[in-house]
mmCIF file of all heavy atoms, coordinates in Angstrom:
data_MODEL
# 
_entry.id   MODEL 
# 
loop_
_atom_site.group_PDB 
_atom_site.id 
_atom_site.type_symbol 
_atom_site.label_atom_id 
_atom_site.label_alt_id 
_atom_site.label_comp_id 
_atom_site.label_asym_id 
_atom_site.label_entity_id 
_atom_site.label_seq_id 
_atom_site.pdbx_PDB_ins_code 
_atom_site.Cartn_x 
_atom_site.Cartn_y 
_atom_site.Cartn_z 
_atom_site.occupancy 
_atom_site.B_iso_or_equiv 
_atom_site.pdbx_formal_charge 
_atom_site.auth_seq_id 
_atom_site.auth_comp_id 
_atom_site.auth_asym_id 
_atom_site.auth_atom_id 
_atom_site.pdbx_PDB_model_num 
ATOM 1   N N   . VAL A 1 1  ? 5.372  -13.356 -7.087  1.00 0.00 ? 1  VAL A N   1 
ATOM 2   C CA  . VAL A 1 1  ? 5.085  -14.420 -6.030  1.00 0.00 ? 1  VAL A CA  1 
ATOM 3   C C   . VAL A 1 1  ? 3.975  -15.290 -6.700  1.00 0.00 ? 1  VAL A C   1 
ATOM 4   O O   . VAL A 1 1  ? 2.894  -14.878 -6.844  1.00 0.00 ? 1  VAL A O   1 
ATOM 5   C CB  . VAL A 1 1  ? 4.611  -13.753 -4.769  1.00 0.00 ? 1  VAL A CB  1 
ATOM 6   C CG1 . VAL A 1 1  ? 4.362  -14.852 -3.776  1.00 0.00 ? 1  VAL A CG1 1 
ATOM 7   C CG2 . VAL A 1 1  ? 5.642  -12.788 -4.206  1.00 0.00 ? 1  VAL A CG2 1 
ATOM 8   N N   . PRO A 1 2  ? 4.300  -16.565 -6.962  1.00 0.00 ? 2  PRO A N   1 
ATOM 9   C CA  . PRO A 1 2  ? 5.651  -17.196 -6.677  1.00 0.00 ? 2  PRO A CA  1 
ATOM 10  C C   . PRO A 1 2  ? 6.723  -16.722 -7.633  1.00 0.00 ? 2  PRO A C   1 
ATOM 11  O O   . PRO A 1 2  ? 6.476  -16.182 -8.644  1.00 0.00 ? 2  PRO A O   1 
ATOM 12  C CB  . PRO A 1 2  ? 5.261  -18.729 -7.008  1.00 0.00 ? 2  PRO A CB  1 
ATOM 13  C CG  . PRO A 1 2  ? 4.124  -18.694 -7.950  1.00 0.00 ? 2  PRO A CG  1 
ATOM 14  C CD  . PRO A 1 2  ? 3.371  -17.462 -7.587  1.00 0.00 ? 2  PRO A CD  1 
ATOM 15  N N   . LEU A 1 3  ? 8.021  -17.003 -7.082  1.00 0.00 ? 3  LEU A N   1 
ATOM 16  C CA  . LEU A 1 3  ? 9.139  -16.553 -7.802  1.00 0.00 ? 3  LEU A CA  1 
ATOM 17  C C   . LEU A 1 3  ? 9.380  -17.363 -9.076  1.00 0.00 ? 3  LEU A C   1 
ATOM 18  O O   . LEU A 1 3  ? 9.969  -16.855 -10.033 1.00 0.00 ? 3  LEU A O   1 
ATOM 19  C CB  . LEU A 1 3  ? 10.395 -16.576 -6.933  1.00 0.00 ? 3  LEU A CB  1 
ATOM 20  C CG  . LEU A 1 3  ? 10.511 -15.492 -5.845  1.00 0.00 ? 3  LEU A CG  1 
ATOM 21  C CD1 . LEU A 1 3  ? 11.600 -15.813 -4.861  1.00 0.00 ? 3  LEU A CD1 1 
ATOM 22  C CD2 . LEU A 1 3  ? 10.557 -14.100 -6.398  1.00 0.00 ? 3  LEU A CD2 1 
ATOM 23  N N   . SER A 1 4  ? 8.960  -18.580 -9.067  1.00 0.00 ? 4  SER A N   1 
ATOM 24  C CA  . SER A 1 4  ? 9.146  -19.395 -10.209 1.00 0.00 ? 4  SER A CA  1 
ATOM 25  C C   . SER A 1 4  ? 7.786  -19.924 -10.675 1.00 0.00 ? 4  SER A C   1 
ATOM 26  O O   . SER A 1 4  ? 6.991  -20.511 -9.938  1.00 0.00 ? 4  SER A O   1 
ATOM 27  C CB  . SER A 1 4  ? 10.013 -20.658 -9.909  1.00 0.00 ? 4  SER A CB  1 
ATOM 28  O OG  . SER A 1 4  ? 10.035 -21.534 -11.005 1.00 0.00 ? 4  SER A OG  1 
ATOM 29  N N   . PRO A 1 5  ? 7.474  -19.696 -12.068 1.00 0.00 ? 5  PRO A N   1 
ATOM 30  C CA  . PRO A 1 5  ? 6.141  -20.049 -12.533 1.00 0.00 ? 5  PRO A CA  1 
ATOM 31  C C   . PRO A 1 5  ? 5.969  -21.600 -12.605 1.00 0.00 ? 5  PRO A C   1 
ATOM 32  O O   . PRO A 1 5  ? 4.893  -22.063 -12.845 1.00 0.00 ? 5  PRO A O   1 
ATOM 33  C CB  . PRO A 1 5  ? 6.093  -19.420 -13.891 1.00 0.00 ? 5  PRO A CB  1 
ATOM 34  C CG  . PRO A 1 5  ? 7.521  -19.186 -14.310 1.00 0.00 ? 5  PRO A CG  1 
ATOM 35  C CD  . PRO A 1 5  ? 8.218  -18.928 -13.003 1.00 0.00 ? 5  PRO A CD  1 
ATOM 36  N N   . ILE A 1 6  ? 7.047  -22.352 -12.639 1.00 0.00 ? 6  ILE A N   1 
ATOM 37  C CA  . ILE A 1 6  ? 7.046  -23.747 -12.792 1.00 0.00 ? 6  ILE A CA  1 
ATOM 38  C C   . ILE A 1 6  ? 6.971  -24.544 -11.452 1.00 0.00 ? 6  ILE A C   1 
ATOM 39  O O   . ILE A 1 6  ? 6.881  -25.808 -11.463 1.00 0.00 ? 6  ILE A O   1 
ATOM 40  C CB  . ILE A 1 6  ? 8.167  -24.357 -13.658 1.00 0.00 ? 6  ILE A CB  1 
ATOM 41  C CG1 . ILE A 1 6  ? 9.603  -24.023 -12.987 1.00 0.00 ? 6  ILE A CG1 1 
ATOM 42  C CG2 . ILE A 1 6  ? 8.187  -23.659 -15.072 1.00 0.00 ? 6  ILE A CG2 1 
ATOM 43  C CD1 . ILE A 1 6  ? 10.731 -24.669 -13.694 1.00 0.00 ? 6  ILE A CD1 1 
ATOM 44  N N   . SER A 1 7  ? 7.066  -23.807 -10.400 1.00 0.00 ? 7  SER A N   1 
ATOM 45  C CA  . SER A 1 7  ? 7.050  -24.464 -9.056  1.00 0.00 ? 7  SER A CA  1 
ATOM 46  C C   . SER A 1 7  ? 5.601  -24.731 -8.682  1.00 0.00 ? 7  SER A C   1 
ATOM 47  O O   . SER A 1 7  ? 4.644  -24.272 -9.247  1.00 0.00 ? 7  SER A O   1 
ATOM 48  C CB  . SER A 1 7  ? 7.699  -23.609 -7.958  1.00 0.00 ? 7  SER A CB  1 
ATOM 49  O OG  . SER A 1 7  ? 6.752  -22.557 -7.677  1.00 0.00 ? 7  SER A OG  1 
ATOM 50  N N   . ASN A 1 8  ? 5.416  -25.569 -7.683  1.00 0.00 ? 8  ASN A N   1 
ATOM 51  C CA  . ASN A 1 8  ? 4.130  -25.969 -7.144  1.00 0.00 ? 8  ASN A CA  1 
ATOM 52  C C   . ASN A 1 8  ? 3.648  -24.971 -5.984  1.00 0.00 ? 8  ASN A C   1 
ATOM 53  O O   . ASN A 1 8  ? 2.593  -25.237 -5.375  1.00 0.00 ? 8  ASN A O   1 
ATOM 54  C CB  . ASN A 1 8  ? 4.089  -27.394 -6.680  1.00 0.00 ? 8  ASN A CB  1 
ATOM 55  C CG  . ASN A 1 8  ? 4.204  -28.320 -7.771  1.00 0.00 ? 8  ASN A CG  1 
ATOM 56  O OD1 . ASN A 1 8  ? 3.718  -28.168 -8.842  1.00 0.00 ? 8  ASN A OD1 1 
ATOM 57  N ND2 . ASN A 1 8  ? 4.956  -29.431 -7.499  1.00 0.00 ? 8  ASN A ND2 1 
ATOM 58  N N   . LEU A 1 9  ? 4.532  -23.941 -5.793  1.00 0.00 ? 9  LEU A N   1 
ATOM 59  C CA  . LEU A 1 9  ? 4.210  -23.060 -4.638  1.00 0.00 ? 9  LEU A CA  1 
ATOM 60  C C   . LEU A 1 9  ? 3.217  -21.983 -5.031  1.00 0.00 ? 9  LEU A C   1 
ATOM 61  O O   . LEU A 1 9  ? 3.118  -21.668 -6.223  1.00 0.00 ? 9  LEU A O   1 
ATOM 62  C CB  . LEU A 1 9  ? 5.469  -22.389 -4.182  1.00 0.00 ? 9  LEU A CB  1 
ATOM 63  C CG  . LEU A 1 9  ? 6.575  -23.356 -3.676  1.00 0.00 ? 9  LEU A CG  1 
ATOM 64  C CD1 . LEU A 1 9  ? 7.870  -22.477 -3.339  1.00 0.00 ? 9  LEU A CD1 1 
ATOM 65  C CD2 . LEU A 1 9  ? 6.058  -24.106 -2.450  1.00 0.00 ? 9  LEU A CD2 1 
ATOM 66  N N   . VAL A 1 10 ? 2.430  -21.504 -4.068  1.00 0.00 ? 10 VAL A N   1 
ATOM 67  C CA  . VAL A 1 10 ? 1.481  -20.421 -4.316  1.00 0.00 ? 10 VAL A CA  1 
ATOM 68  C C   . VAL A 1 10 ? 1.790  -19.321 -3.369  1.00 0.00 ? 10 VAL A C   1 
ATOM 69  O O   . VAL A 1 10 ? 2.669  -19.292 -2.579  1.00 0.00 ? 10 VAL A O   1 
ATOM 70  C CB  . VAL A 1 10 ? 0.040  -20.941 -4.078  1.00 0.00 ? 10 VAL A CB  1 
ATOM 71  C CG1 . VAL A 1 10 ? -0.254 -21.982 -5.148  1.00 0.00 ? 10 VAL A CG1 1 
ATOM 72  C CG2 . VAL A 1 10 ? -0.062 -21.435 -2.698  1.00 0.00 ? 10 VAL A CG2 1 
ATOM 73  N N   . PHE A 1 11 ? 1.054  -18.213 -3.420  1.00 0.00 ? 11 PHE A N   1 
ATOM 74  C CA  . PHE A 1 11 ? 1.267  -16.992 -2.723  1.00 0.00 ? 11 PHE A CA  1 
ATOM 75  C C   . PHE A 1 11 ? 1.501  -17.267 -1.209  1.00 0.00 ? 11 PHE A C   1 
ATOM 76  O O   . PHE A 1 11 ? 2.425  -16.688 -0.588  1.00 0.00 ? 11 PHE A O   1 
ATOM 77  C CB  . PHE A 1 11 ? 0.184  -15.979 -3.005  1.00 0.00 ? 11 PHE A CB  1 
ATOM 78  C CG  . PHE A 1 11 ? 0.417  -14.581 -2.527  1.00 0.00 ? 11 PHE A CG  1 
ATOM 79  C CD1 . PHE A 1 11 ? 1.095  -13.752 -3.366  1.00 0.00 ? 11 PHE A CD1 1 
ATOM 80  C CD2 . PHE A 1 11 ? 0.053  -14.084 -1.297  1.00 0.00 ? 11 PHE A CD2 1 
ATOM 81  C CE1 . PHE A 1 11 ? 1.292  -12.376 -3.003  1.00 0.00 ? 11 PHE A CE1 1 
ATOM 82  C CE2 . PHE A 1 11 ? 0.224  -12.864 -0.872  1.00 0.00 ? 11 PHE A CE2 1 
ATOM 83  C CZ  . PHE A 1 11 ? 0.903  -11.883 -1.764  1.00 0.00 ? 11 PHE A CZ  1 
ATOM 84  N N   . LYS A 1 12 ? 0.592  -18.067 -0.627  1.00 0.00 ? 12 LYS A N   1 
ATOM 85  C CA  . LYS A 1 12 ? 0.667  -18.286 0.786   1.00 0.00 ? 12 LYS A CA  1 
ATOM 86  C C   . LYS A 1 12 ? 1.882  -19.095 1.222   1.00 0.00 ? 12 LYS A C   1 
ATOM 87  O O   . LYS A 1 12 ? 2.032  -19.293 2.483   1.00 0.00 ? 12 LYS A O   1 
ATOM 88  C CB  . LYS A 1 12 ? -0.644 -18.915 1.281   1.00 0.00 ? 12 LYS A CB  1 
ATOM 89  C CG  . LYS A 1 12 ? -0.860 -20.337 0.763   1.00 0.00 ? 12 LYS A CG  1 
ATOM 90  C CD  . LYS A 1 12 ? -2.161 -20.938 1.297   1.00 0.00 ? 12 LYS A CD  1 
ATOM 91  C CE  . LYS A 1 12 ? -2.352 -22.350 0.832   1.00 0.00 ? 12 LYS A CE  1 
ATOM 92  N NZ  . LYS A 1 12 ? -3.603 -22.916 1.314   1.00 0.00 ? 12 LYS A NZ  1 
ATOM 93  N N   . ASP A 1 13 ? 2.638  -19.610 0.264   1.00 0.00 ? 13 ASP A N   1 
ATOM 94  C CA  . ASP A 1 13 ? 3.924  -20.360 0.638   1.00 0.00 ? 13 ASP A CA  1 
ATOM 95  C C   . ASP A 1 13 ? 5.097  -19.440 0.820   1.00 0.00 ? 13 ASP A C   1 
ATOM 96  O O   . ASP A 1 13 ? 6.148  -19.878 0.928   1.00 0.00 ? 13 ASP A O   1 
ATOM 97  C CB  . ASP A 1 13 ? 4.178  -21.418 -0.421  1.00 0.00 ? 13 ASP A CB  1 
ATOM 98  C CG  . ASP A 1 13 ? 3.146  -22.499 -0.480  1.00 0.00 ? 13 ASP A CG  1 
ATOM 99  O OD1 . ASP A 1 13 ? 2.621  -22.862 0.646   1.00 0.00 ? 13 ASP A OD1 1 
ATOM 100 O OD2 . ASP A 1 13 ? 2.765  -22.954 -1.578  1.00 0.00 ? 13 ASP A OD2 1 
ATOM 101 N N   . TYR A 1 14 ? 4.850  -18.161 0.806   1.00 0.00 ? 14 TYR A N   1 
ATOM 102 C CA  . TYR A 1 14 ? 5.892  -17.156 0.960   1.00 0.00 ? 14 TYR A CA  1 
ATOM 103 C C   . TYR A 1 14 ? 5.703  -16.281 2.201   1.00 0.00 ? 14 TYR A C   1 
ATOM 104 O O   . TYR A 1 14 ? 4.599  -16.188 2.702   1.00 0.00 ? 14 TYR A O   1 
ATOM 105 C CB  . TYR A 1 14 ? 5.927  -16.239 -0.309  1.00 0.00 ? 14 TYR A CB  1 
ATOM 106 C CG  . TYR A 1 14 ? 6.458  -16.906 -1.536  1.00 0.00 ? 14 TYR A CG  1 
ATOM 107 C CD1 . TYR A 1 14 ? 5.755  -17.814 -2.247  1.00 0.00 ? 14 TYR A CD1 1 
ATOM 108 C CD2 . TYR A 1 14 ? 7.797  -16.770 -1.932  1.00 0.00 ? 14 TYR A CD2 1 
ATOM 109 C CE1 . TYR A 1 14 ? 6.165  -18.520 -3.336  1.00 0.00 ? 14 TYR A CE1 1 
ATOM 110 C CE2 . TYR A 1 14 ? 8.311  -17.411 -3.030  1.00 0.00 ? 14 TYR A CE2 1 
ATOM 111 C CZ  . TYR A 1 14 ? 7.449  -18.291 -3.770  1.00 0.00 ? 14 TYR A CZ  1 
ATOM 112 O OH  . TYR A 1 14 ? 8.009  -18.957 -4.796  1.00 0.00 ? 14 TYR A OH  1 
ATOM 113 N N   . TYR A 1 15 ? 6.782  -15.748 2.679   1.00 0.00 ? 15 TYR A N   1 
ATOM 114 C CA  . TYR A 1 15 ? 6.684  -14.844 3.862   1.00 0.00 ? 15 TYR A CA  1 
ATOM 115 C C   . TYR A 1 15 ? 7.817  -13.824 3.744   1.00 0.00 ? 15 TYR A C   1 
ATOM 116 O O   . TYR A 1 15 ? 8.736  -13.877 3.032   1.00 0.00 ? 15 TYR A O   1 
ATOM 117 C CB  . TYR A 1 15 ? 6.845  -15.699 5.112   1.00 0.00 ? 15 TYR A CB  1 
ATOM 118 C CG  . TYR A 1 15 ? 8.162  -16.445 5.306   1.00 0.00 ? 15 TYR A CG  1 
ATOM 119 C CD1 . TYR A 1 15 ? 9.226  -15.836 6.034   1.00 0.00 ? 15 TYR A CD1 1 
ATOM 120 C CD2 . TYR A 1 15 ? 8.412  -17.654 4.813   1.00 0.00 ? 15 TYR A CD2 1 
ATOM 121 C CE1 . TYR A 1 15 ? 10.425 -16.536 6.236   1.00 0.00 ? 15 TYR A CE1 1 
ATOM 122 C CE2 . TYR A 1 15 ? 9.621  -18.324 4.935   1.00 0.00 ? 15 TYR A CE2 1 
ATOM 123 C CZ  . TYR A 1 15 ? 10.618 -17.771 5.672   1.00 0.00 ? 15 TYR A CZ  1 
ATOM 124 O OH  . TYR A 1 15 ? 11.828 -18.402 5.752   1.00 0.00 ? 15 TYR A OH  1 
ATOM 125 N N   . LEU A 1 16 ? 7.660  -12.799 4.566   1.00 0.00 ? 16 LEU A N   1 
ATOM 126 C CA  . LEU A 1 16 ? 8.649  -11.798 4.713   1.00 0.00 ? 16 LEU A CA  1 
ATOM 127 C C   . LEU A 1 16 ? 9.328  -11.980 6.122   1.00 0.00 ? 16 LEU A C   1 
ATOM 128 O O   . LEU A 1 16 ? 8.694  -12.177 7.109   1.00 0.00 ? 16 LEU A O   1 
ATOM 129 C CB  . LEU A 1 16 ? 8.055  -10.349 4.712   1.00 0.00 ? 16 LEU A CB  1 
ATOM 130 C CG  . LEU A 1 16 ? 7.381  -9.898  3.440   1.00 0.00 ? 16 LEU A CG  1 
ATOM 131 C CD1 . LEU A 1 16 ? 6.736  -8.558  3.599   1.00 0.00 ? 16 LEU A CD1 1 
ATOM 132 C CD2 . LEU A 1 16 ? 8.381  -9.841  2.318   1.00 0.00 ? 16 LEU A CD2 1 
ATOM 133 N N   . GLN A 1 17 ? 10.648 -11.939 6.089   1.00 0.00 ? 17 GLN A N   1 
ATOM 134 C CA  . GLN A 1 17 ? 11.448 -12.128 7.257   1.00 0.00 ? 17 GLN A CA  1 
ATOM 135 C C   . GLN A 1 17 ? 12.106 -10.800 7.658   1.00 0.00 ? 17 GLN A C   1 
ATOM 136 O O   . GLN A 1 17 ? 12.879 -10.223 6.879   1.00 0.00 ? 17 GLN A O   1 
ATOM 137 C CB  . GLN A 1 17 ? 12.457 -13.217 7.193   1.00 0.00 ? 17 GLN A CB  1 
ATOM 138 C CG  . GLN A 1 17 ? 13.229 -13.534 8.437   1.00 0.00 ? 17 GLN A CG  1 
ATOM 139 C CD  . GLN A 1 17 ? 14.168 -14.721 8.298   1.00 0.00 ? 17 GLN A CD  1 
ATOM 140 O OE1 . GLN A 1 17 ? 14.967 -14.784 7.440   1.00 0.00 ? 17 GLN A OE1 1 
ATOM 141 N NE2 . GLN A 1 17 ? 14.012 -15.631 9.250   1.00 0.00 ? 17 GLN A NE2 1 
ATOM 142 N N   . PHE A 1 18 ? 11.846 -10.351 8.888   1.00 0.00 ? 18 PHE A N   1 
ATOM 143 C CA  . PHE A 1 18 ? 12.402 -9.176  9.399   1.00 0.00 ? 18 PHE A CA  1 
ATOM 144 C C   . PHE A 1 18 ? 13.554 -9.396  10.377  1.00 0.00 ? 18 PHE A C   1 
ATOM 145 O O   . PHE A 1 18 ? 13.862 -10.578 10.681  1.00 0.00 ? 18 PHE A O   1 
ATOM 146 C CB  . PHE A 1 18 ? 11.332 -8.284  10.070  1.00 0.00 ? 18 PHE A CB  1 
ATOM 147 C CG  . PHE A 1 18 ? 10.289 -7.727  9.081   1.00 0.00 ? 18 PHE A CG  1 
ATOM 148 C CD1 . PHE A 1 18 ? 9.184  -8.527  8.731   1.00 0.00 ? 18 PHE A CD1 1 
ATOM 149 C CD2 . PHE A 1 18 ? 10.411 -6.447  8.533   1.00 0.00 ? 18 PHE A CD2 1 
ATOM 150 C CE1 . PHE A 1 18 ? 8.226  -8.010  7.792   1.00 0.00 ? 18 PHE A CE1 1 
ATOM 151 C CE2 . PHE A 1 18 ? 9.471  -5.995  7.656   1.00 0.00 ? 18 PHE A CE2 1 
ATOM 152 C CZ  . PHE A 1 18 ? 8.426  -6.764  7.269   1.00 0.00 ? 18 PHE A CZ  1 
ATOM 153 N N   . GLN A 1 19 ? 14.113 -8.373  10.942  1.00 0.00 ? 19 GLN A N   1 
ATOM 154 C CA  . GLN A 1 19 ? 15.271 -8.545  11.893  1.00 0.00 ? 19 GLN A CA  1 
ATOM 155 C C   . GLN A 1 19 ? 14.800 -8.643  13.313  1.00 0.00 ? 19 GLN A C   1 
ATOM 156 O O   . GLN A 1 19 ? 15.524 -9.186  14.111  1.00 0.00 ? 19 GLN A O   1 
ATOM 157 C CB  . GLN A 1 19 ? 16.239 -7.333  11.767  1.00 0.00 ? 19 GLN A CB  1 
ATOM 158 C CG  . GLN A 1 19 ? 16.939 -7.269  10.412  1.00 0.00 ? 19 GLN A CG  1 
ATOM 159 C CD  . GLN A 1 19 ? 17.768 -5.889  10.280  1.00 0.00 ? 19 GLN A CD  1 
ATOM 160 O OE1 . GLN A 1 19 ? 17.117 -4.830  10.192  1.00 0.00 ? 19 GLN A OE1 1 
ATOM 161 N NE2 . GLN A 1 19 ? 19.028 -6.037  10.348  1.00 0.00 ? 19 GLN A NE2 1 
ATOM 162 N N   . HIS A 1 20 ? 13.597 -8.145  13.552  1.00 0.00 ? 20 HIS A N   1 
ATOM 163 C CA  . HIS A 1 20 ? 13.161 -8.085  15.010  1.00 0.00 ? 20 HIS A CA  1 
ATOM 164 C C   . HIS A 1 20 ? 11.798 -8.759  15.169  1.00 0.00 ? 20 HIS A C   1 
ATOM 165 O O   . HIS A 1 20 ? 11.057 -8.939  14.115  1.00 0.00 ? 20 HIS A O   1 
ATOM 166 C CB  . HIS A 1 20 ? 13.055 -6.599  15.409  1.00 0.00 ? 20 HIS A CB  1 
ATOM 167 C CG  . HIS A 1 20 ? 14.255 -5.830  15.101  1.00 0.00 ? 20 HIS A CG  1 
ATOM 168 N ND1 . HIS A 1 20 ? 15.516 -6.097  15.694  1.00 0.00 ? 20 HIS A ND1 1 
ATOM 169 C CD2 . HIS A 1 20 ? 14.462 -4.739  14.197  1.00 0.00 ? 20 HIS A CD2 1 
ATOM 170 C CE1 . HIS A 1 20 ? 16.400 -5.248  15.207  1.00 0.00 ? 20 HIS A CE1 1 
ATOM 171 N NE2 . HIS A 1 20 ? 15.783 -4.441  14.302  1.00 0.00 ? 20 HIS A NE2 1 
ATOM 172 N N   . PRO A 1 21 ? 11.424 -9.150  16.340  1.00 0.00 ? 21 PRO A N   1 
ATOM 173 C CA  . PRO A 1 21 ? 10.154 -9.957  16.596  1.00 0.00 ? 21 PRO A CA  1 
ATOM 174 C C   . PRO A 1 21 ? 8.952  -8.967  16.554  1.00 0.00 ? 21 PRO A C   1 
ATOM 175 O O   . PRO A 1 21 ? 7.786  -9.540  16.445  1.00 0.00 ? 21 PRO A O   1 
ATOM 176 C CB  . PRO A 1 21 ? 10.264 -10.431 17.938  1.00 0.00 ? 21 PRO A CB  1 
ATOM 177 C CG  . PRO A 1 21 ? 11.312 -9.590  18.661  1.00 0.00 ? 21 PRO A CG  1 
ATOM 178 C CD  . PRO A 1 21 ? 12.268 -9.173  17.546  1.00 0.00 ? 21 PRO A CD  1 
ATOM 179 N N   . ALA A 1 22 ? 9.045  -7.672  16.493  1.00 0.00 ? 22 ALA A N   1 
ATOM 180 C CA  . ALA A 1 22 ? 7.962  -6.810  16.392  1.00 0.00 ? 22 ALA A CA  1 
ATOM 181 C C   . ALA A 1 22 ? 8.335  -5.541  15.583  1.00 0.00 ? 22 ALA A C   1 
ATOM 182 O O   . ALA A 1 22 ? 9.501  -5.080  15.582  1.00 0.00 ? 22 ALA A O   1 
ATOM 183 C CB  . ALA A 1 22 ? 7.473  -6.369  17.788  1.00 0.00 ? 22 ALA A CB  1 
ATOM 184 N N   . ILE A 1 23 ? 7.321  -5.011  14.848  1.00 0.00 ? 23 ILE A N   1 
ATOM 185 C CA  . ILE A 1 23 ? 7.607  -3.860  14.117  1.00 0.00 ? 23 ILE A CA  1 
ATOM 186 C C   . ILE A 1 23 ? 6.381  -2.901  14.333  1.00 0.00 ? 23 ILE A C   1 
ATOM 187 O O   . ILE A 1 23 ? 5.343  -3.364  14.767  1.00 0.00 ? 23 ILE A O   1 
ATOM 188 C CB  . ILE A 1 23 ? 7.745  -4.104  12.649  1.00 0.00 ? 23 ILE A CB  1 
ATOM 189 C CG1 . ILE A 1 23 ? 6.661  -4.964  12.113  1.00 0.00 ? 23 ILE A CG1 1 
ATOM 190 C CG2 . ILE A 1 23 ? 9.126  -4.702  12.287  1.00 0.00 ? 23 ILE A CG2 1 
ATOM 191 C CD1 . ILE A 1 23 ? 6.671  -5.342  10.587  1.00 0.00 ? 23 ILE A CD1 1 
ATOM 192 N N   . THR A 1 24 ? 6.529  -1.578  14.134  1.00 0.00 ? 24 THR A N   1 
ATOM 193 C CA  . THR A 1 24 ? 5.485  -0.611  14.275  1.00 0.00 ? 24 THR A CA  1 
ATOM 194 C C   . THR A 1 24 ? 4.717  -0.392  13.082  1.00 0.00 ? 24 THR A C   1 
ATOM 195 O O   . THR A 1 24 ? 5.326  -0.082  12.015  1.00 0.00 ? 24 THR A O   1 
ATOM 196 C CB  . THR A 1 24 ? 6.075  0.688   14.863  1.00 0.00 ? 24 THR A CB  1 
ATOM 197 O OG1 . THR A 1 24 ? 6.738  0.495   16.059  1.00 0.00 ? 24 THR A OG1 1 
ATOM 198 C CG2 . THR A 1 24 ? 4.981  1.660   15.074  1.00 0.00 ? 24 THR A CG2 1 
# 
């Protein structure tokens, strides 16, 4: 993270997407 070293994205430009609105 980032997935591509040549992109202008940084760590905070990524997220994890889950299936539900809440997790334990």
